[in-house]
Amino acid sequence: DANVVRVPPGSPVGDHVEAQVDVLLVVVSG
């Protein structure tokens, strides 16, 4: 699975746990 995700200012991705998979995160802007 791969996604390009935009998170605008003032809209945090809240505290959570991903229990199933390791994730690689690459910042492409901002």
All heavy atoms as atom14 arrays in JSON, in Angstrom:
{
  "sequence": "DANVVRVPPGSPVGDHVEAQVDVLLVVVSG",
  "atom14_mask": [
    [1, 1, 1, 1, 1, 1, 1, 1, 0, 0, 0, 0, 0, 0],
    [1, 1, 1, 1, 1, 0, 0, 0, 0, 0, 0, 0, 0, 0],
    [1, 1, 1, 1, 1, 1, 1, 1, 0, 0, 0, 0, 0, 0],
    [1, 1, 1, 1, 1, 1, 1, 0, 0, 0, 0, 0, 0, 0],
    [1, 1, 1, 1, 1, 1, 1, 0, 0, 0, 0, 0, 0, 0],
    [1, 1, 1, 1, 1, 1, 1, 1, 1, 1, 1, 0, 0, 0],
    [1, 1, 1, 1, 1, 1, 1, 0, 0, 0, 0, 0, 0, 0],
    [1, 1, 1, 1, 1, 1, 1, 0, 0, 0, 0, 0, 0, 0],
    [1, 1, 1, 1, 1, 1, 1, 0, 0, 0, 0, 0, 0, 0],
    [1, 1, 1, 1, 0, 0, 0, 0, 0, 0, 0, 0, 0, 0],
    [1, 1, 1, 1, 1, 1, 0, 0, 0, 0, 0, 0, 0, 0],
    [1, 1, 1, 1, 1, 1, 1, 0, 0, 0, 0, 0, 0, 0],
    [1, 1, 1, 1, 1, 1, 1, 0, 0, 0, 0, 0, 0, 0],
    [1, 1, 1, 1, 0, 0, 0, 0, 0, 0, 0, 0, 0, 0],
    [1, 1, 1, 1, 1, 1, 1, 1, 0, 0, 0, 0, 0, 0],
    [1, 1, 1, 1, 1, 1, 1, 1, 1, 1, 0, 0, 0, 0],
    [1, 1, 1, 1, 1, 1, 1, 0, 0, 0, 0, 0, 0, 0],
    [1, 1, 1, 1, 1, 1, 1, 1, 1, 0, 0, 0, 0, 0],
    [1, 1, 1, 1, 1, 0, 0, 0, 0, 0, 0, 0, 0, 0],
    [1, 1, 1, 1, 1, 1, 1, 1, 1, 0, 0, 0, 0, 0],
    [1, 1, 1, 1, 1, 1, 1, 0, 0, 0, 0, 0, 0, 0],
    [1, 1, 1, 1, 1, 1, 1, 1, 0, 0, 0, 0, 0, 0],
    [1, 1, 1, 1, 1, 1, 1, 0, 0, 0, 0, 0, 0, 0],
    [1, 1, 1, 1, 1, 1, 1, 1, 0, 0, 0, 0, 0, 0],
    [1, 1, 1, 1, 1, 1, 1, 1, 0, 0, 0, 0, 0, 0],
    [1, 1, 1, 1, 1, 1, 1, 0, 0, 0, 0, 0, 0, 0],
    [1, 1, 1, 1, 1, 1, 1, 0, 0, 0, 0, 0, 0, 0],
    [1, 1, 1, 1, 1, 1, 1, 0, 0, 0, 0, 0, 0, 0],
    [1, 1, 1, 1, 1, 1, 0, 0, 0, 0, 0, 0, 0, 0],
    [1, 1, 1, 1, 0, 0, 0, 0, 0, 0, 0, 0, 0, 0]
  ],
  "atom14_positions": [
    [[0.86, -1.17, 0.0], [0.0, 0.0, 0.0], [0.9, 1.22, 0.0], [1.93, 1.24, 0.69], [-0.9, 0.04, 1.24], [-2.23, -0.65, 1.04], [-2.64, -0.8, -0.13], [-2.85, -1.04, 2.03], [0.0, 0.0, 0.0], [0.0, 0.0, 0.0], [0.0, 0.0, 0.0], [0.0, 0.0, 0.0], [0.0, 0.0, 0.0], [0.0, 0.0, 0.0]],
    [[0.53, 2.23, -0.78], [1.27, 3.48, -0.82], [0.27, 4.61, -1.01], [-0.73, 4.45, -1.72], [2.3, 3.46, -1.95], [0.0, 0.0, 0.0], [0.0, 0.0, 0.0], [0.0, 0.0, 0.0], [0.0, 0.0, 0.0], [0.0, 0.0, 0.0], [0.0, 0.0, 0.0], [0.0, 0.0, 0.0], [0.0, 0.0, 0.0], [0.0, 0.0, 0.0]],
    [[0.53, 5.73, -0.36], [-0.37, 6.88, -0.41], [0.45, 8.17, -0.45], [1.53, 8.23, 0.13], [-1.23, 6.96, 0.87], [-1.95, 5.68, 1.16], [-2.94, 5.39, 0.52], [-1.45, 4.9, 2.1], [0.0, 0.0, 0.0], [0.0, 0.0, 0.0], [0.0, 0.0, 0.0], [0.0, 0.0, 0.0], [0.0, 0.0, 0.0], [0.0, 0.0, 0.0]],
    [[-0.1, 9.19, -1.1], [0.41, 10.55, -0.98], [-0.66, 11.29, -0.2], [-1.82, 11.36, -0.62], [0.64, 11.22, -2.35], [1.1, 12.66, -2.17], [1.67, 10.44, -3.18], [0.0, 0.0, 0.0], [0.0, 0.0, 0.0], [0.0, 0.0, 0.0], [0.0, 0.0, 0.0], [0.0, 0.0, 0.0], [0.0, 0.0, 0.0], [0.0, 0.0, 0.0]],
    [[-0.29, 11.8, 0.98], [-1.25, 12.39, 1.92], [-0.89, 13.84, 2.2], [0.26, 14.14, 2.51], [-1.27, 11.6, 3.25], [-2.24, 12.21, 4.25], [-1.59, 10.13, 3.0], [0.0, 0.0, 0.0], [0.0, 0.0, 0.0], [0.0, 0.0, 0.0], [0.0, 0.0, 0.0], [0.0, 0.0, 0.0], [0.0, 0.0, 0.0], [0.0, 0.0, 0.0]],
    [[-1.89, 14.72, 2.1], [-1.7, 16.13, 2.47], [-2.43, 16.38, 3.78], [-3.6, 16.03, 3.92], [-2.26, 17.07, 1.42], [-2.2, 18.54, 1.89], [-2.78, 19.5, 0.89], [-1.75, 19.77, -0.09], [-1.99, 19.96, -1.38], [-3.22, 19.9, -1.84], [-1.01, 20.21, -2.22], [0.0, 0.0, 0.0], [0.0, 0.0, 0.0], [0.0, 0.0, 0.0]],
    [[-1.72, 16.99, 4.75], [-2.3, 17.37, 6.03], [-2.15, 18.89, 6.14], [-1.03, 19.4, 6.21], [-1.6, 16.67, 7.22], [-2.26, 17.04, 8.53], [-1.58, 15.16, 7.02], [0.0, 0.0, 0.0], [0.0, 0.0, 0.0], [0.0, 0.0, 0.0], [0.0, 0.0, 0.0], [0.0, 0.0, 0.0], [0.0, 0.0, 0.0], [0.0, 0.0, 0.0]],
    [[-3.27, 19.62, 6.12], [-3.19, 21.09, 6.16], [-2.83, 21.61, 7.55], [-2.99, 20.89, 8.55], [-4.6, 21.53, 5.76], [-5.48, 20.39, 6.15], [-4.64, 19.15, 6.01], [0.0, 0.0, 0.0], [0.0, 0.0, 0.0], [0.0, 0.0, 0.0], [0.0, 0.0, 0.0], [0.0, 0.0, 0.0], [0.0, 0.0, 0.0], [0.0, 0.0, 0.0]],
    [[-2.36, 22.85, 7.62], [-2.05, 23.44, 8.93], [-3.28, 23.4, 9.83], [-4.41, 23.57, 9.37], [-1.67, 24.89, 8.61], [-1.61, 25.01, 7.14], [-2.2, 23.79, 6.53], [0.0, 0.0, 0.0], [0.0, 0.0, 0.0], [0.0, 0.0, 0.0], [0.0, 0.0, 0.0], [0.0, 0.0, 0.0], [0.0, 0.0, 0.0], [0.0, 0.0, 0.0]],
    [[-3.07, 23.15, 11.11], [-4.17, 23.14, 12.07], [-5.01, 21.87, 12.07], [-6.01, 21.8, 12.76], [0.0, 0.0, 0.0], [0.0, 0.0, 0.0], [0.0, 0.0, 0.0], [0.0, 0.0, 0.0], [0.0, 0.0, 0.0], [0.0, 0.0, 0.0], [0.0, 0.0, 0.0], [0.0, 0.0, 0.0], [0.0, 0.0, 0.0], [0.0, 0.0, 0.0]],
    [[-4.62, 20.85, 11.31], [-5.37, 19.6, 11.26], [-4.45, 18.42, 11.54], [-4.12, 17.65, 10.65], [-6.01, 19.42, 9.87], [-6.92, 20.43, 9.62], [0.0, 0.0, 0.0], [0.0, 0.0, 0.0], [0.0, 0.0, 0.0], [0.0, 0.0, 0.0], [0.0, 0.0, 0.0], [0.0, 0.0, 0.0], [0.0, 0.0, 0.0], [0.0, 0.0, 0.0]],
    [[-4.0, 18.26, 12.76], [-3.03, 17.2, 13.06], [-3.58, 15.8, 12.85], [-4.77, 15.57, 12.91], [-2.7, 17.43, 14.54], [-3.89, 18.14, 15.09], [-4.44, 18.98, 13.96], [0.0, 0.0, 0.0], [0.0, 0.0, 0.0], [0.0, 0.0, 0.0], [0.0, 0.0, 0.0], [0.0, 0.0, 0.0], [0.0, 0.0, 0.0], [0.0, 0.0, 0.0]],
    [[-2.67, 14.88, 12.56], [-3.0, 13.46, 12.56], [-2.82, 13.03, 14.01], [-1.71, 13.03, 14.53], [-2.08, 12.65, 11.62], [-2.38, 11.17, 11.73], [-2.19, 13.15, 10.19], [0.0, 0.0, 0.0], [0.0, 0.0, 0.0], [0.0, 0.0, 0.0], [0.0, 0.0, 0.0], [0.0, 0.0, 0.0], [0.0, 0.0, 0.0], [0.0, 0.0, 0.0]],
    [[-3.92, 12.71, 14.67], [-3.91, 12.44, 16.1], [-3.08, 11.23, 16.5], [-2.74, 10.37, 15.68], [0.0, 0.0, 0.0], [0.0, 0.0, 0.0], [0.0, 0.0, 0.0], [0.0, 0.0, 0.0], [0.0, 0.0, 0.0], [0.0, 0.0, 0.0], [0.0, 0.0, 0.0], [0.0, 0.0, 0.0], [0.0, 0.0, 0.0], [0.0, 0.0, 0.0]],
    [[-2.77, 11.18, 17.76], [-2.0, 10.11, 18.36], [-2.69, 8.77, 18.1], [-3.87, 8.62, 18.37], [-1.93, 10.4, 19.86], [-0.96, 9.51, 20.57], [0.22, 9.5, 20.22], [-1.4, 8.83, 21.51], [0.0, 0.0, 0.0], [0.0, 0.0, 0.0], [0.0, 0.0, 0.0], [0.0, 0.0, 0.0], [0.0, 0.0, 0.0], [0.0, 0.0, 0.0]],
    [[-1.94, 7.82, 17.52], [-2.51, 6.5, 17.23], [-1.4, 5.47, 17.15], [-0.22, 5.81, 17.11], [-3.31, 6.52, 15.92], [-2.49, 6.79, 14.7], [-2.03, 8.04, 14.37], [-2.04, 5.96, 13.74], [-1.33, 7.98, 13.25], [-1.31, 6.72, 12.85], [0.0, 0.0, 0.0], [0.0, 0.0, 0.0], [0.0, 0.0, 0.0], [0.0, 0.0, 0.0]],
    [[-1.78, 4.21, 17.12], [-0.84, 3.1, 16.99], [-1.26, 2.28, 15.78], [-2.42, 1.93, 15.63], [-0.85, 2.2, 18.24], [0.0, 0.96, 18.03], [-0.37, 2.97, 19.46], [0.0, 0.0, 0.0], [0.0, 0.0, 0.0], [0.0, 0.0, 0.0], [0.0, 0.0, 0.0], [0.0, 0.0, 0.0], [0.0, 0.0, 0.0], [0.0, 0.0, 0.0]],
    [[-0.32, 1.99, 14.92], [-0.55, 1.06, 13.79], [-0.03, -0.28, 14.26], [1.18, -0.49, 14.36], [0.17, 1.54, 12.54], [0.2, 0.53, 11.42], [-1.16, -0.05, 11.08], [-2.03, 0.67, 10.61], [-1.33, -1.26, 11.31], [0.0, 0.0, 0.0], [0.0, 0.0, 0.0], [0.0, 0.0, 0.0], [0.0, 0.0, 0.0], [0.0, 0.0, 0.0]],
    [[-0.94, -1.19, 14.57], [-0.55, -2.46, 15.17], [-0.13, -3.51, 14.16], [0.57, -4.46, 14.51], [-1.71, -3.0, 16.01], [0.0, 0.0, 0.0], [0.0, 0.0, 0.0], [0.0, 0.0, 0.0], [0.0, 0.0, 0.0], [0.0, 0.0, 0.0], [0.0, 0.0, 0.0], [0.0, 0.0, 0.0], [0.0, 0.0, 0.0], [0.0, 0.0, 0.0]],
    [[-0.55, -3.37, 12.89], [-0.32, -4.45, 11.93], [0.95, -4.33, 11.1], [1.56, -5.34, 10.77], [-1.49, -4.54, 10.95], [-2.73, -5.12, 11.53], [-3.79, -5.35, 10.47], [-3.74, -4.79, 9.38], [-4.75, -6.19, 10.77], [0.0, 0.0, 0.0], [0.0, 0.0, 0.0], [0.0, 0.0, 0.0], [0.0, 0.0, 0.0], [0.0, 0.0, 0.0]],
    [[1.33, -3.11, 10.69], [2.4, -3.0, 9.71], [3.41, -1.91, 10.06], [3.08, -0.92, 10.68], [1.84, -2.71, 8.29], [1.0, -3.86, 7.77], [1.05, -1.42, 8.26], [0.0, 0.0, 0.0], [0.0, 0.0, 0.0], [0.0, 0.0, 0.0], [0.0, 0.0, 0.0], [0.0, 0.0, 0.0], [0.0, 0.0, 0.0], [0.0, 0.0, 0.0]],
    [[4.66, -2.12, 9.65], [5.67, -1.08, 9.67], [5.34, -0.11, 8.54], [4.83, -0.52, 7.5], [7.07, -1.66, 9.41], [7.51, -2.64, 10.48], [7.08, -2.52, 11.64], [8.3, -3.54, 10.13], [0.0, 0.0, 0.0], [0.0, 0.0, 0.0], [0.0, 0.0, 0.0], [0.0, 0.0, 0.0], [0.0, 0.0, 0.0], [0.0, 0.0, 0.0]],
    [[5.65, 1.16, 8.73], [5.35, 2.18, 7.72], [6.61, 2.98, 7.43], [7.34, 3.36, 8.34], [4.22, 3.13, 8.19], [3.97, 4.24, 7.18], [2.94, 2.35, 8.47], [0.0, 0.0, 0.0], [0.0, 0.0, 0.0], [0.0, 0.0, 0.0], [0.0, 0.0, 0.0], [0.0, 0.0, 0.0], [0.0, 0.0, 0.0], [0.0, 0.0, 0.0]],
    [[6.84, 3.26, 6.15], [7.9, 4.17, 5.73], [7.22, 5.47, 5.35], [6.28, 5.47, 4.55], [8.66, 3.6, 4.53], [9.92, 4.37, 4.15], [10.96, 4.24, 5.26], [10.47, 3.84, 2.85], [0.0, 0.0, 0.0], [0.0, 0.0, 0.0], [0.0, 0.0, 0.0], [0.0, 0.0, 0.0], [0.0, 0.0, 0.0], [0.0, 0.0, 0.0]],
    [[7.65, 6.58, 5.94], [7.07, 7.89, 5.68], [8.15, 8.76, 5.02], [9.27, 8.84, 5.54], [6.6, 8.52, 6.99], [5.94, 9.88, 6.91], [4.77, 9.93, 7.89], [6.89, 11.0, 7.19], [0.0, 0.0, 0.0], [0.0, 0.0, 0.0], [0.0, 0.0, 0.0], [0.0, 0.0, 0.0], [0.0, 0.0, 0.0], [0.0, 0.0, 0.0]],
    [[7.82, 9.39, 3.89], [8.75, 10.26, 3.16], [8.08, 11.62, 3.0], [7.03, 11.72, 2.36], [9.09, 9.68, 1.77], [10.07, 10.59, 1.05], [9.62, 8.27, 1.86], [0.0, 0.0, 0.0], [0.0, 0.0, 0.0], [0.0, 0.0, 0.0], [0.0, 0.0, 0.0], [0.0, 0.0, 0.0], [0.0, 0.0, 0.0], [0.0, 0.0, 0.0]],
    [[8.66, 12.66, 3.57], [8.09, 14.0, 3.45], [8.48, 14.57, 2.09], [9.65, 14.62, 1.74], [8.6, 14.93, 4.58], [7.99, 16.33, 4.44], [8.28, 14.34, 5.95], [0.0, 0.0, 0.0], [0.0, 0.0, 0.0], [0.0, 0.0, 0.0], [0.0, 0.0, 0.0], [0.0, 0.0, 0.0], [0.0, 0.0, 0.0], [0.0, 0.0, 0.0]],
    [[7.46, 14.99, 1.31], [7.72, 15.51, -0.04], [7.45, 17.01, -0.15], [7.88, 17.63, -1.13], [6.91, 14.75, -1.12], [7.36, 13.31, -1.21], [5.42, 14.83, -0.89], [0.0, 0.0, 0.0], [0.0, 0.0, 0.0], [0.0, 0.0, 0.0], [0.0, 0.0, 0.0], [0.0, 0.0, 0.0], [0.0, 0.0, 0.0], [0.0, 0.0, 0.0]],
    [[6.77, 17.59, 0.84], [6.49, 19.03, 0.8], [6.12, 19.49, 2.19], [5.51, 18.74, 2.96], [5.35, 19.3, -0.18], [4.99, 20.66, -0.2], [0.0, 0.0, 0.0], [0.0, 0.0, 0.0], [0.0, 0.0, 0.0], [0.0, 0.0, 0.0], [0.0, 0.0, 0.0], [0.0, 0.0, 0.0], [0.0, 0.0, 0.0], [0.0, 0.0, 0.0]],
    [[6.47, 20.72, 2.51], [6.11, 21.29, 3.8], [6.95, 20.75, 4.93], [8.04, 20.21, 4.73], [0.0, 0.0, 0.0], [0.0, 0.0, 0.0], [0.0, 0.0, 0.0], [0.0, 0.0, 0.0], [0.0, 0.0, 0.0], [0.0, 0.0, 0.0], [0.0, 0.0, 0.0], [0.0, 0.0, 0.0], [0.0, 0.0, 0.0], [0.0, 0.0, 0.0]]
  ]
}
